[in-house]
Amino acid sequence: GRAVRLSFDSQGSLYIADWNHGRVRRVDAKTGIITTVRTQYEFRFVHVDRAGNIYAGCNEIWRIEPGTGTATMVVGKALGLSNVRLEDGMRAADGRVMFVEGMTSDAAGNLYFTAGEATNRVWKVEATTGLLRLVAGNGTRGNTGDGGPATAASLNWPGDLALDGRGNLLIAQYGSGRLRQVNLATGVITSVPVELGDSQRGVTVDARG
């Protein structure tokens, strides 16, 4: 297979998105035994939230129940770039997405995701309403907007996402190697002062934040 994304649950078990085989696999933290959680076409990414919900997909987003493997569609599939439909305030289930590159979630269960090549934006699915909210990106590709509203800034092919311990959403930009961060309390976007090479898809935050 081809393991392209990894995620851990609160018990330390590892989840693997096995893209070639369309599977989400789980390695038990205590026994080291690997099992298949769900088999379905195009599982390119996986994310496990704090409640144990498993989110997976590629050109759509599914929520998988950890005990049963039952999948519920969170955001629908676009059949081409011209069919992508993501709008602030719409029901996430009515949305159509392609090229999801990263996901993370907060303590309230809100899900954040990128659709880098398709929209150059970062979106949130509200846990309480199921509505889509625009978090960052004006839809154009670039690196402008630092110091201002994240929704008015340009992003350069946003990839993976991570939340630090200070309320910032970190955005890895595959197109520029620049790491951006959004203060979720103020909505202001800035660049993190680190030097990265081009084609940096991934970002993660350790237990110290």
N, C-alpha and C. Protein backbone atom coordinates (compact mmCIF):
# COMPACT_ATOMS: atom_id res chain seq x y z
N GLY A 1 0.82 -1.19 0.00
CA GLY A 1 0.00 0.00 0.00
C GLY A 1 0.86 1.25 0.00
N ARG A 2 0.21 2.39 0.09
CA ARG A 2 0.90 3.67 0.15
C ARG A 2 0.31 4.47 1.29
N ALA A 3 1.03 4.53 2.41
CA ALA A 3 0.58 5.27 3.58
C ALA A 3 0.89 6.74 3.38
N VAL A 4 -0.14 7.58 3.27
CA VAL A 4 0.08 8.98 2.95
C VAL A 4 -0.28 9.92 4.10
N ARG A 5 -1.08 9.49 5.06
CA ARG A 5 -1.40 10.31 6.22
C ARG A 5 -1.50 9.42 7.45
N LEU A 6 -1.12 9.99 8.60
CA LEU A 6 -1.15 9.28 9.86
C LEU A 6 -1.89 10.13 10.89
N SER A 7 -2.50 9.46 11.88
CA SER A 7 -3.13 10.17 12.98
C SER A 7 -3.18 9.25 14.19
N PHE A 8 -3.14 9.81 15.38
CA PHE A 8 -3.22 9.04 16.62
C PHE A 8 -4.51 9.38 17.35
N ASP A 9 -5.09 8.37 18.03
CA ASP A 9 -6.23 8.65 18.89
C ASP A 9 -5.75 8.93 20.31
N SER A 10 -6.67 9.17 21.22
CA SER A 10 -6.31 9.55 22.59
C SER A 10 -5.66 8.42 23.37
N GLN A 11 -5.79 7.18 22.87
CA GLN A 11 -5.18 6.02 23.54
C GLN A 11 -3.81 5.69 22.96
N GLY A 12 -3.38 6.44 21.95
CA GLY A 12 -2.08 6.21 21.34
C GLY A 12 -2.08 5.25 20.18
N SER A 13 -3.24 4.76 19.76
CA SER A 13 -3.31 3.89 18.59
C SER A 13 -3.11 4.71 17.33
N LEU A 14 -2.43 4.11 16.36
CA LEU A 14 -2.07 4.78 15.12
C LEU A 14 -3.05 4.43 14.01
N TYR A 15 -3.51 5.45 13.28
CA TYR A 15 -4.39 5.26 12.13
C TYR A 15 -3.64 5.65 10.86
N ILE A 16 -3.79 4.83 9.84
CA ILE A 16 -3.03 4.99 8.60
C ILE A 16 -4.00 5.09 7.42
N ALA A 17 -3.83 6.13 6.61
CA ALA A 17 -4.57 6.21 5.34
C ALA A 17 -3.76 5.48 4.28
N ASP A 18 -4.24 4.32 3.87
CA ASP A 18 -3.58 3.47 2.87
C ASP A 18 -4.22 3.77 1.52
N TRP A 19 -3.65 4.74 0.82
CA TRP A 19 -4.29 5.30 -0.37
C TRP A 19 -4.46 4.26 -1.48
N ASN A 20 -3.42 3.49 -1.78
CA ASN A 20 -3.49 2.54 -2.90
C ASN A 20 -4.59 1.50 -2.72
N HIS A 21 -4.83 1.11 -1.47
CA HIS A 21 -5.81 0.08 -1.21
C HIS A 21 -7.15 0.63 -0.73
N GLY A 22 -7.26 1.96 -0.61
CA GLY A 22 -8.53 2.56 -0.20
C GLY A 22 -8.95 2.15 1.19
N ARG A 23 -7.99 2.06 2.12
CA ARG A 23 -8.30 1.59 3.47
C ARG A 23 -7.85 2.59 4.53
N VAL A 24 -8.56 2.58 5.64
CA VAL A 24 -8.05 3.17 6.88
C VAL A 24 -7.68 2.01 7.78
N ARG A 25 -6.42 1.98 8.25
CA ARG A 25 -5.94 0.88 9.07
C ARG A 25 -5.55 1.41 10.45
N ARG A 26 -5.63 0.53 11.45
CA ARG A 26 -5.37 0.92 12.83
C ARG A 26 -4.35 -0.02 13.45
N VAL A 27 -3.33 0.56 14.08
CA VAL A 27 -2.34 -0.22 14.81
C VAL A 27 -2.60 0.01 16.29
N ASP A 28 -2.99 -1.04 17.00
CA ASP A 28 -3.33 -0.93 18.41
C ASP A 28 -2.09 -0.57 19.23
N ALA A 29 -2.25 0.44 20.11
CA ALA A 29 -1.12 0.94 20.88
C ALA A 29 -0.58 -0.10 21.86
N LYS A 30 -1.44 -0.98 22.37
CA LYS A 30 -1.01 -1.95 23.37
C LYS A 30 -0.47 -3.24 22.76
N THR A 31 -1.13 -3.72 21.71
CA THR A 31 -0.76 -5.03 21.16
C THR A 31 0.10 -4.95 19.91
N GLY A 32 0.07 -3.79 19.22
CA GLY A 32 0.78 -3.67 17.96
C GLY A 32 0.09 -4.37 16.80
N ILE A 33 -1.11 -4.87 17.03
CA ILE A 33 -1.85 -5.58 15.97
C ILE A 33 -2.53 -4.57 15.05
N ILE A 34 -2.42 -4.82 13.74
CA ILE A 34 -3.02 -3.95 12.74
C ILE A 34 -4.33 -4.53 12.23
N THR A 35 -5.34 -3.68 12.11
CA THR A 35 -6.64 -4.08 11.58
C THR A 35 -7.11 -3.03 10.57
N THR A 36 -8.08 -3.41 9.76
CA THR A 36 -8.69 -2.48 8.81
C THR A 36 -9.96 -1.93 9.40
N VAL A 37 -10.04 -0.59 9.49
CA VAL A 37 -11.22 0.07 10.05
C VAL A 37 -12.31 0.20 9.00
N ARG A 38 -11.89 0.58 7.78
CA ARG A 38 -12.86 0.81 6.71
C ARG A 38 -12.15 0.69 5.37
N THR A 39 -12.82 0.07 4.40
CA THR A 39 -12.32 -0.01 3.03
C THR A 39 -13.27 0.75 2.12
N GLN A 40 -12.71 1.68 1.37
CA GLN A 40 -13.52 2.50 0.48
C GLN A 40 -12.58 3.19 -0.50
N TYR A 41 -13.07 3.56 -1.65
CA TYR A 41 -12.24 4.16 -2.68
C TYR A 41 -11.63 5.48 -2.21
N GLU A 42 -10.33 5.65 -2.41
CA GLU A 42 -9.62 6.91 -2.19
C GLU A 42 -9.66 7.41 -0.74
N PHE A 43 -9.04 6.70 0.15
CA PHE A 43 -8.77 7.24 1.47
C PHE A 43 -7.34 7.75 1.48
N ARG A 44 -7.18 9.03 1.17
CA ARG A 44 -5.85 9.61 1.09
C ARG A 44 -5.41 10.24 2.40
N PHE A 45 -6.35 10.58 3.25
CA PHE A 45 -6.01 11.21 4.52
C PHE A 45 -6.85 10.62 5.64
N VAL A 46 -6.40 10.82 6.87
CA VAL A 46 -7.14 10.36 8.04
C VAL A 46 -6.85 11.31 9.20
N HIS A 47 -7.86 11.55 10.00
CA HIS A 47 -7.70 12.36 11.20
C HIS A 47 -8.65 11.82 12.26
N VAL A 48 -8.16 11.68 13.49
CA VAL A 48 -8.98 11.22 14.61
C VAL A 48 -9.14 12.37 15.59
N ASP A 49 -10.39 12.74 15.90
CA ASP A 49 -10.60 13.86 16.82
C ASP A 49 -10.55 13.37 18.27
N ARG A 50 -10.73 14.28 19.19
CA ARG A 50 -10.57 13.95 20.62
C ARG A 50 -11.66 13.01 21.14
N ALA A 51 -12.79 12.98 20.44
CA ALA A 51 -13.88 12.09 20.83
C ALA A 51 -13.74 10.71 20.21
N GLY A 52 -12.72 10.51 19.38
CA GLY A 52 -12.50 9.22 18.74
C GLY A 52 -13.13 9.07 17.38
N ASN A 53 -13.80 10.12 16.88
CA ASN A 53 -14.36 10.07 15.54
C ASN A 53 -13.23 10.06 14.51
N ILE A 54 -13.37 9.24 13.47
CA ILE A 54 -12.35 9.11 12.44
C ILE A 54 -12.85 9.81 11.18
N TYR A 55 -12.07 10.75 10.68
CA TYR A 55 -12.40 11.44 9.44
C TYR A 55 -11.43 11.00 8.35
N ALA A 56 -11.95 10.67 7.18
CA ALA A 56 -11.10 10.15 6.11
C ALA A 56 -11.71 10.50 4.76
N GLY A 57 -10.88 10.39 3.72
CA GLY A 57 -11.35 10.63 2.37
C GLY A 57 -10.25 11.18 1.49
N CYS A 58 -10.63 11.80 0.39
CA CYS A 58 -9.70 12.44 -0.52
C CYS A 58 -10.46 13.52 -1.29
N ASN A 59 -11.38 13.11 -2.15
CA ASN A 59 -12.21 14.05 -2.87
C ASN A 59 -13.59 14.16 -2.25
N GLU A 60 -13.67 13.79 -0.99
CA GLU A 60 -14.83 13.97 -0.13
C GLU A 60 -14.35 13.74 1.28
N ILE A 61 -15.20 13.99 2.28
CA ILE A 61 -14.84 13.75 3.67
C ILE A 61 -15.90 12.88 4.31
N TRP A 62 -15.45 11.80 4.95
CA TRP A 62 -16.33 10.87 5.64
C TRP A 62 -16.00 10.86 7.13
N ARG A 63 -17.01 10.66 7.96
CA ARG A 63 -16.82 10.41 9.39
C ARG A 63 -17.11 8.94 9.65
N ILE A 64 -16.16 8.25 10.25
CA ILE A 64 -16.28 6.80 10.49
C ILE A 64 -16.43 6.55 11.97
N GLU A 65 -17.46 5.82 12.36
CA GLU A 65 -17.65 5.46 13.76
C GLU A 65 -16.58 4.45 14.16
N PRO A 66 -15.87 4.71 15.27
CA PRO A 66 -14.75 3.85 15.63
C PRO A 66 -15.14 2.42 15.97
N GLY A 67 -16.33 2.20 16.50
CA GLY A 67 -16.71 0.85 16.90
C GLY A 67 -17.26 0.00 15.77
N THR A 68 -18.04 0.63 14.89
CA THR A 68 -18.74 -0.13 13.86
C THR A 68 -18.14 -0.01 12.46
N GLY A 69 -17.38 1.06 12.21
CA GLY A 69 -16.86 1.30 10.87
C GLY A 69 -17.88 1.93 9.94
N THR A 70 -19.06 2.27 10.47
CA THR A 70 -20.09 2.92 9.66
C THR A 70 -19.64 4.31 9.25
N ALA A 71 -19.78 4.65 7.97
CA ALA A 71 -19.31 5.93 7.45
C ALA A 71 -20.48 6.84 7.11
N THR A 72 -20.35 8.11 7.48
CA THR A 72 -21.32 9.14 7.16
C THR A 72 -20.61 10.26 6.41
N MET A 73 -21.17 10.70 5.28
CA MET A 73 -20.53 11.75 4.51
C MET A 73 -20.66 13.10 5.21
N VAL A 74 -19.53 13.79 5.36
CA VAL A 74 -19.51 15.12 5.98
C VAL A 74 -19.53 16.20 4.91
N VAL A 75 -18.68 16.06 3.88
CA VAL A 75 -18.65 16.96 2.72
C VAL A 75 -18.64 16.09 1.48
N GLY A 76 -19.48 16.45 0.50
CA GLY A 76 -19.66 15.61 -0.69
C GLY A 76 -18.53 15.72 -1.69
N LYS A 77 -18.61 14.86 -2.70
CA LYS A 77 -17.56 14.72 -3.71
C LYS A 77 -17.86 15.56 -4.94
N ALA A 78 -16.84 16.32 -5.39
CA ALA A 78 -16.95 17.03 -6.66
C ALA A 78 -16.45 16.14 -7.78
N LEU A 79 -17.08 16.20 -8.93
CA LEU A 79 -16.71 15.36 -10.07
C LEU A 79 -15.72 16.05 -11.00
N GLY A 80 -15.21 17.19 -10.58
CA GLY A 80 -14.22 17.95 -11.34
C GLY A 80 -14.07 19.30 -10.69
N LEU A 81 -12.98 20.03 -11.04
CA LEU A 81 -12.75 21.32 -10.41
C LEU A 81 -13.91 22.29 -10.63
N SER A 82 -14.55 22.20 -11.79
CA SER A 82 -15.67 23.10 -12.06
C SER A 82 -16.89 22.78 -11.21
N ASN A 83 -16.89 21.60 -10.58
CA ASN A 83 -18.01 21.15 -9.76
C ASN A 83 -17.80 21.41 -8.27
N VAL A 84 -16.61 21.94 -7.90
CA VAL A 84 -16.33 22.24 -6.49
C VAL A 84 -17.28 23.33 -6.02
N ARG A 85 -17.91 23.09 -4.87
CA ARG A 85 -18.85 24.06 -4.32
C ARG A 85 -18.70 24.10 -2.80
N LEU A 86 -18.04 25.14 -2.33
CA LEU A 86 -17.86 25.37 -0.90
C LEU A 86 -18.15 26.83 -0.64
N GLU A 87 -19.14 27.11 0.22
CA GLU A 87 -19.54 28.49 0.48
C GLU A 87 -19.74 28.69 1.97
N ASP A 88 -19.33 29.85 2.45
CA ASP A 88 -19.50 30.18 3.86
C ASP A 88 -20.98 30.19 4.22
N GLY A 89 -21.34 29.43 5.25
CA GLY A 89 -22.71 29.38 5.73
C GLY A 89 -23.57 28.27 5.16
N MET A 90 -23.07 27.54 4.17
CA MET A 90 -23.86 26.46 3.60
C MET A 90 -23.71 25.19 4.44
N ARG A 91 -24.65 24.27 4.28
CA ARG A 91 -24.53 22.98 4.95
C ARG A 91 -23.34 22.23 4.37
N ALA A 92 -22.47 21.73 5.25
CA ALA A 92 -21.28 21.02 4.77
C ALA A 92 -21.67 19.82 3.91
N ALA A 93 -22.76 19.15 4.27
CA ALA A 93 -23.19 17.97 3.52
C ALA A 93 -23.62 18.29 2.10
N ASP A 94 -23.95 19.57 1.84
CA ASP A 94 -24.33 20.00 0.50
C ASP A 94 -23.13 20.46 -0.31
N GLY A 95 -21.96 20.54 0.34
CA GLY A 95 -20.76 20.99 -0.34
C GLY A 95 -20.18 19.92 -1.25
N ARG A 96 -19.30 20.36 -2.14
CA ARG A 96 -18.60 19.46 -3.05
C ARG A 96 -17.13 19.85 -3.06
N VAL A 97 -16.26 18.88 -2.78
CA VAL A 97 -14.85 19.19 -2.56
C VAL A 97 -13.96 18.25 -3.36
N MET A 98 -12.76 18.73 -3.69
CA MET A 98 -11.71 17.92 -4.31
C MET A 98 -10.38 18.28 -3.66
N PHE A 99 -9.44 17.34 -3.74
CA PHE A 99 -8.06 17.56 -3.34
C PHE A 99 -7.93 18.05 -1.90
N VAL A 100 -8.62 17.38 -0.97
CA VAL A 100 -8.42 17.69 0.44
C VAL A 100 -7.00 17.29 0.83
N GLU A 101 -6.25 18.24 1.40
CA GLU A 101 -4.84 18.02 1.71
C GLU A 101 -4.56 17.86 3.20
N GLY A 102 -5.43 18.39 4.06
CA GLY A 102 -5.15 18.30 5.49
C GLY A 102 -6.39 18.51 6.31
N MET A 103 -6.35 18.01 7.55
CA MET A 103 -7.46 18.16 8.48
C MET A 103 -6.93 18.22 9.90
N THR A 104 -7.67 18.91 10.75
CA THR A 104 -7.45 18.87 12.18
C THR A 104 -8.76 19.24 12.85
N SER A 105 -8.82 19.15 14.17
CA SER A 105 -10.04 19.48 14.89
C SER A 105 -9.69 20.09 16.23
N ASP A 106 -10.64 20.84 16.80
CA ASP A 106 -10.39 21.46 18.10
C ASP A 106 -11.15 20.74 19.20
N ALA A 107 -11.03 21.24 20.42
CA ALA A 107 -11.64 20.58 21.57
C ALA A 107 -13.15 20.56 21.50
N ALA A 108 -13.74 21.50 20.76
CA ALA A 108 -15.20 21.56 20.64
C ALA A 108 -15.73 20.63 19.56
N GLY A 109 -14.82 19.95 18.83
CA GLY A 109 -15.24 19.03 17.78
C GLY A 109 -15.41 19.67 16.42
N ASN A 110 -15.04 20.96 16.28
CA ASN A 110 -15.06 21.59 14.96
C ASN A 110 -13.97 21.00 14.09
N LEU A 111 -14.29 20.72 12.84
CA LEU A 111 -13.34 20.11 11.91
C LEU A 111 -12.83 21.16 10.94
N TYR A 112 -11.51 21.26 10.80
CA TYR A 112 -10.87 22.18 9.86
C TYR A 112 -10.26 21.36 8.72
N PHE A 113 -10.41 21.86 7.49
CA PHE A 113 -9.80 21.13 6.37
C PHE A 113 -9.37 22.10 5.28
N THR A 114 -8.43 21.65 4.46
CA THR A 114 -7.98 22.42 3.31
C THR A 114 -8.40 21.70 2.03
N ALA A 115 -8.62 22.50 1.03
CA ALA A 115 -8.82 21.99 -0.33
C ALA A 115 -7.89 22.80 -1.21
N GLY A 116 -6.60 22.51 -1.06
CA GLY A 116 -5.55 23.38 -1.56
C GLY A 116 -5.64 23.76 -3.01
N GLU A 117 -5.48 22.80 -3.91
CA GLU A 117 -5.48 23.10 -5.33
C GLU A 117 -6.85 23.56 -5.81
N ALA A 118 -7.90 23.04 -5.18
CA ALA A 118 -9.25 23.34 -5.64
C ALA A 118 -9.71 24.74 -5.25
N THR A 119 -9.36 25.22 -4.04
CA THR A 119 -9.90 26.51 -3.58
C THR A 119 -8.86 27.44 -2.99
N ASN A 120 -7.67 26.93 -2.61
CA ASN A 120 -6.67 27.74 -1.90
C ASN A 120 -7.28 28.41 -0.67
N ARG A 121 -8.08 27.65 0.04
CA ARG A 121 -8.75 28.14 1.24
C ARG A 121 -8.73 27.09 2.35
N VAL A 122 -8.98 27.54 3.57
CA VAL A 122 -9.15 26.66 4.72
C VAL A 122 -10.57 26.83 5.23
N TRP A 123 -11.22 25.71 5.50
CA TRP A 123 -12.63 25.72 5.91
C TRP A 123 -12.82 25.05 7.25
N LYS A 124 -13.93 25.38 7.90
CA LYS A 124 -14.31 24.73 9.16
C LYS A 124 -15.72 24.18 9.03
N VAL A 125 -15.92 22.98 9.54
CA VAL A 125 -17.27 22.42 9.68
C VAL A 125 -17.65 22.56 11.15
N GLU A 126 -18.65 23.37 11.43
CA GLU A 126 -19.07 23.60 12.81
C GLU A 126 -19.71 22.35 13.38
N ALA A 127 -19.25 21.96 14.56
CA ALA A 127 -19.75 20.74 15.19
C ALA A 127 -21.22 20.86 15.57
N THR A 128 -21.64 22.04 16.00
CA THR A 128 -23.01 22.19 16.52
C THR A 128 -24.05 22.37 15.42
N THR A 129 -23.64 22.94 14.27
CA THR A 129 -24.61 23.26 13.22
C THR A 129 -24.41 22.46 11.94
N GLY A 130 -23.20 21.93 11.72
CA GLY A 130 -22.90 21.25 10.47
C GLY A 130 -22.70 22.20 9.31
N LEU A 131 -22.53 23.50 9.60
CA LEU A 131 -22.36 24.50 8.55
C LEU A 131 -20.88 24.71 8.24
N LEU A 132 -20.61 25.12 7.01
CA LEU A 132 -19.26 25.47 6.60
C LEU A 132 -18.97 26.92 6.96
N ARG A 133 -17.75 27.17 7.44
CA ARG A 133 -17.30 28.53 7.70
C ARG A 133 -15.92 28.71 7.08
N LEU A 134 -15.72 29.82 6.39
CA LEU A 134 -14.42 30.13 5.81
C LEU A 134 -13.50 30.62 6.91
N VAL A 135 -12.32 30.01 7.01
CA VAL A 135 -11.34 30.37 8.03
C VAL A 135 -10.22 31.22 7.44
N ALA A 136 -9.74 30.85 6.26
CA ALA A 136 -8.63 31.58 5.66
C ALA A 136 -8.62 31.39 4.15
N GLY A 137 -8.13 32.41 3.46
CA GLY A 137 -7.97 32.34 2.01
C GLY A 137 -9.03 33.10 1.25
N ASN A 138 -8.58 33.87 0.24
CA ASN A 138 -9.52 34.60 -0.61
C ASN A 138 -9.76 33.91 -1.94
N GLY A 139 -9.15 32.72 -2.10
CA GLY A 139 -9.36 31.95 -3.32
C GLY A 139 -8.27 32.11 -4.36
N THR A 140 -7.37 33.08 -4.16
CA THR A 140 -6.26 33.26 -5.09
C THR A 140 -4.99 32.66 -4.51
N ARG A 141 -4.07 32.29 -5.37
CA ARG A 141 -2.84 31.65 -4.93
C ARG A 141 -1.76 32.71 -4.72
N GLY A 142 -1.18 32.75 -3.51
CA GLY A 142 -0.14 33.72 -3.20
C GLY A 142 0.21 33.70 -1.73
N ASN A 143 0.95 34.72 -1.28
CA ASN A 143 1.42 34.79 0.10
C ASN A 143 1.11 36.15 0.73
N THR A 144 0.07 36.81 0.26
CA THR A 144 -0.24 38.15 0.74
C THR A 144 -1.19 38.11 1.93
N GLY A 145 -1.28 39.26 2.63
CA GLY A 145 -2.31 39.43 3.65
C GLY A 145 -1.86 39.31 5.08
N ASP A 146 -0.57 39.07 5.34
CA ASP A 146 -0.12 38.94 6.73
C ASP A 146 -0.44 40.21 7.53
N GLY A 147 -0.93 40.00 8.74
CA GLY A 147 -1.29 41.11 9.62
C GLY A 147 -2.73 41.55 9.49
N GLY A 148 -3.47 40.95 8.55
CA GLY A 148 -4.86 41.32 8.34
C GLY A 148 -5.78 40.12 8.49
N PRO A 149 -7.04 40.28 8.11
CA PRO A 149 -8.00 39.17 8.22
C PRO A 149 -7.57 37.97 7.37
N ALA A 150 -7.62 36.81 7.96
CA ALA A 150 -7.20 35.60 7.24
C ALA A 150 -8.06 35.33 6.02
N THR A 151 -9.32 35.70 6.08
CA THR A 151 -10.22 35.44 4.97
C THR A 151 -9.93 36.33 3.76
N ALA A 152 -9.16 37.40 3.97
CA ALA A 152 -8.79 38.29 2.87
C ALA A 152 -7.39 38.00 2.33
N ALA A 153 -6.68 37.06 2.94
CA ALA A 153 -5.31 36.74 2.55
C ALA A 153 -5.29 35.71 1.43
N SER A 154 -4.21 35.71 0.66
CA SER A 154 -4.02 34.66 -0.34
C SER A 154 -3.15 33.57 0.27
N LEU A 155 -3.44 32.32 -0.09
CA LEU A 155 -2.68 31.16 0.37
C LEU A 155 -2.07 30.48 -0.84
N ASN A 156 -0.93 29.86 -0.62
CA ASN A 156 -0.20 29.23 -1.72
C ASN A 156 -0.28 27.71 -1.59
N TRP A 157 -1.39 27.17 -2.07
CA TRP A 157 -1.67 25.74 -2.03
C TRP A 157 -1.57 25.20 -0.60
N PRO A 158 -2.51 25.53 0.27
CA PRO A 158 -2.46 25.06 1.66
C PRO A 158 -2.53 23.55 1.75
N GLY A 159 -1.68 22.99 2.62
CA GLY A 159 -1.62 21.55 2.78
C GLY A 159 -2.11 21.13 4.15
N ASP A 160 -1.22 20.59 4.97
CA ASP A 160 -1.61 20.04 6.27
C ASP A 160 -1.94 21.16 7.26
N LEU A 161 -2.70 20.81 8.29
CA LEU A 161 -3.12 21.73 9.33
C LEU A 161 -2.78 21.18 10.71
N ALA A 162 -2.57 22.09 11.66
CA ALA A 162 -2.37 21.67 13.05
C ALA A 162 -2.77 22.83 13.96
N LEU A 163 -3.25 22.51 15.15
CA LEU A 163 -3.57 23.51 16.17
C LEU A 163 -2.51 23.47 17.26
N ASP A 164 -1.99 24.65 17.64
CA ASP A 164 -1.04 24.68 18.74
C ASP A 164 -1.78 24.88 20.05
N GLY A 165 -1.07 25.05 21.14
CA GLY A 165 -1.70 25.20 22.44
C GLY A 165 -2.10 26.62 22.77
N ARG A 166 -1.96 27.54 21.81
CA ARG A 166 -2.25 28.95 22.06
C ARG A 166 -3.39 29.47 21.19
N GLY A 167 -4.14 28.57 20.60
CA GLY A 167 -5.29 28.99 19.81
C GLY A 167 -4.96 29.40 18.40
N ASN A 168 -3.81 28.96 17.88
CA ASN A 168 -3.43 29.27 16.51
C ASN A 168 -3.61 28.05 15.62
N LEU A 169 -4.12 28.29 14.42
CA LEU A 169 -4.22 27.24 13.40
C LEU A 169 -3.04 27.39 12.46
N LEU A 170 -2.18 26.37 12.39
CA LEU A 170 -1.00 26.39 11.53
C LEU A 170 -1.34 25.78 10.18
N ILE A 171 -0.85 26.42 9.11
CA ILE A 171 -1.15 26.00 7.74
C ILE A 171 0.17 25.80 6.99
N ALA A 172 0.44 24.57 6.59
CA ALA A 172 1.60 24.30 5.75
C ALA A 172 1.24 24.62 4.31
N GLN A 173 2.08 25.40 3.64
CA GLN A 173 1.82 25.78 2.26
C GLN A 173 2.74 25.02 1.32
N TYR A 174 2.15 24.11 0.58
CA TYR A 174 2.91 23.29 -0.35
C TYR A 174 3.52 24.11 -1.48
N GLY A 175 2.85 25.20 -1.84
CA GLY A 175 3.29 25.98 -2.98
C GLY A 175 4.44 26.92 -2.72
N SER A 176 4.74 27.22 -1.44
CA SER A 176 5.78 28.22 -1.17
C SER A 176 6.75 27.82 -0.07
N GLY A 177 6.45 26.78 0.70
CA GLY A 177 7.31 26.43 1.82
C GLY A 177 7.17 27.39 2.98
N ARG A 178 6.16 28.25 2.95
CA ARG A 178 5.93 29.19 4.04
C ARG A 178 4.87 28.63 4.99
N LEU A 179 5.14 28.73 6.30
CA LEU A 179 4.19 28.28 7.32
C LEU A 179 3.39 29.47 7.79
N ARG A 180 2.07 29.41 7.63
CA ARG A 180 1.18 30.50 8.05
C ARG A 180 0.44 30.09 9.31
N GLN A 181 -0.01 31.07 10.08
CA GLN A 181 -0.82 30.77 11.25
C GLN A 181 -1.96 31.78 11.37
N VAL A 182 -3.11 31.26 11.79
CA VAL A 182 -4.29 32.08 12.00
C VAL A 182 -4.63 32.06 13.48
N ASN A 183 -4.68 33.23 14.10
CA ASN A 183 -5.17 33.34 15.46
C ASN A 183 -6.69 33.20 15.42
N LEU A 184 -7.21 32.10 15.92
CA LEU A 184 -8.64 31.83 15.77
C LEU A 184 -9.51 32.77 16.60
N ALA A 185 -8.93 33.41 17.61
CA ALA A 185 -9.70 34.36 18.41
C ALA A 185 -9.88 35.69 17.68
N THR A 186 -8.86 36.11 16.93
CA THR A 186 -8.91 37.40 16.25
C THR A 186 -9.15 37.28 14.75
N GLY A 187 -8.86 36.11 14.17
CA GLY A 187 -8.99 35.93 12.73
C GLY A 187 -7.85 36.51 11.93
N VAL A 188 -6.76 36.94 12.59
CA VAL A 188 -5.62 37.56 11.92
C VAL A 188 -4.63 36.48 11.49
N ILE A 189 -4.09 36.61 10.27
CA ILE A 189 -3.12 35.67 9.75
C ILE A 189 -1.72 36.29 9.73
N THR A 190 -0.71 35.48 10.05
CA THR A 190 0.68 35.89 9.98
C THR A 190 1.50 34.73 9.45
N SER A 191 2.77 34.99 9.14
CA SER A 191 3.70 33.94 8.75
C SER A 191 4.59 33.61 9.95
N VAL A 192 4.82 32.33 10.18
CA VAL A 192 5.72 31.90 11.25
C VAL A 192 7.15 32.13 10.78
N PRO A 193 7.99 32.77 11.59
CA PRO A 193 9.35 33.11 11.15
C PRO A 193 10.31 31.91 11.17
N VAL A 194 10.07 30.98 10.26
CA VAL A 194 10.97 29.83 10.09
C VAL A 194 11.25 29.68 8.61
N GLU A 195 12.42 29.13 8.29
CA GLU A 195 12.78 28.90 6.90
C GLU A 195 12.53 27.45 6.55
N LEU A 196 11.66 27.22 5.57
CA LEU A 196 11.33 25.89 5.10
C LEU A 196 11.63 25.78 3.62
N GLY A 197 11.94 24.58 3.19
CA GLY A 197 12.11 24.38 1.76
C GLY A 197 10.78 24.32 1.05
N ASP A 198 10.80 24.35 -0.26
CA ASP A 198 9.56 24.24 -1.02
C ASP A 198 8.96 22.84 -0.85
N SER A 199 7.70 22.72 -1.21
CA SER A 199 6.98 21.44 -1.19
C SER A 199 6.82 20.87 0.21
N GLN A 200 6.58 21.75 1.21
CA GLN A 200 6.35 21.30 2.58
C GLN A 200 4.85 21.08 2.79
N ARG A 201 4.42 19.83 2.74
CA ARG A 201 2.99 19.52 2.89
C ARG A 201 2.57 19.38 4.34
N GLY A 202 3.47 18.94 5.22
CA GLY A 202 3.06 18.52 6.55
C GLY A 202 3.40 19.51 7.65
N VAL A 203 2.59 19.48 8.73
CA VAL A 203 2.88 20.22 9.94
C VAL A 203 2.20 19.49 11.09
N THR A 204 2.86 19.46 12.24
CA THR A 204 2.27 18.86 13.42
C THR A 204 2.76 19.61 14.64
N VAL A 205 2.07 19.45 15.76
CA VAL A 205 2.42 20.13 17.01
C VAL A 205 2.53 19.07 18.09
N ASP A 206 3.60 19.10 18.88
CA ASP A 206 3.78 18.09 19.92
C ASP A 206 3.00 18.47 21.18
N ALA A 207 3.15 17.66 22.23
CA ALA A 207 2.37 17.84 23.44
C ALA A 207 2.69 19.16 24.17
N ARG A 208 3.83 19.74 23.90
CA ARG A 208 4.20 21.02 24.53
C ARG A 208 3.64 22.22 23.78
N GLY A 209 3.02 21.96 22.62
CA GLY A 209 2.42 23.04 21.85
C GLY A 209 3.37 23.69 20.87
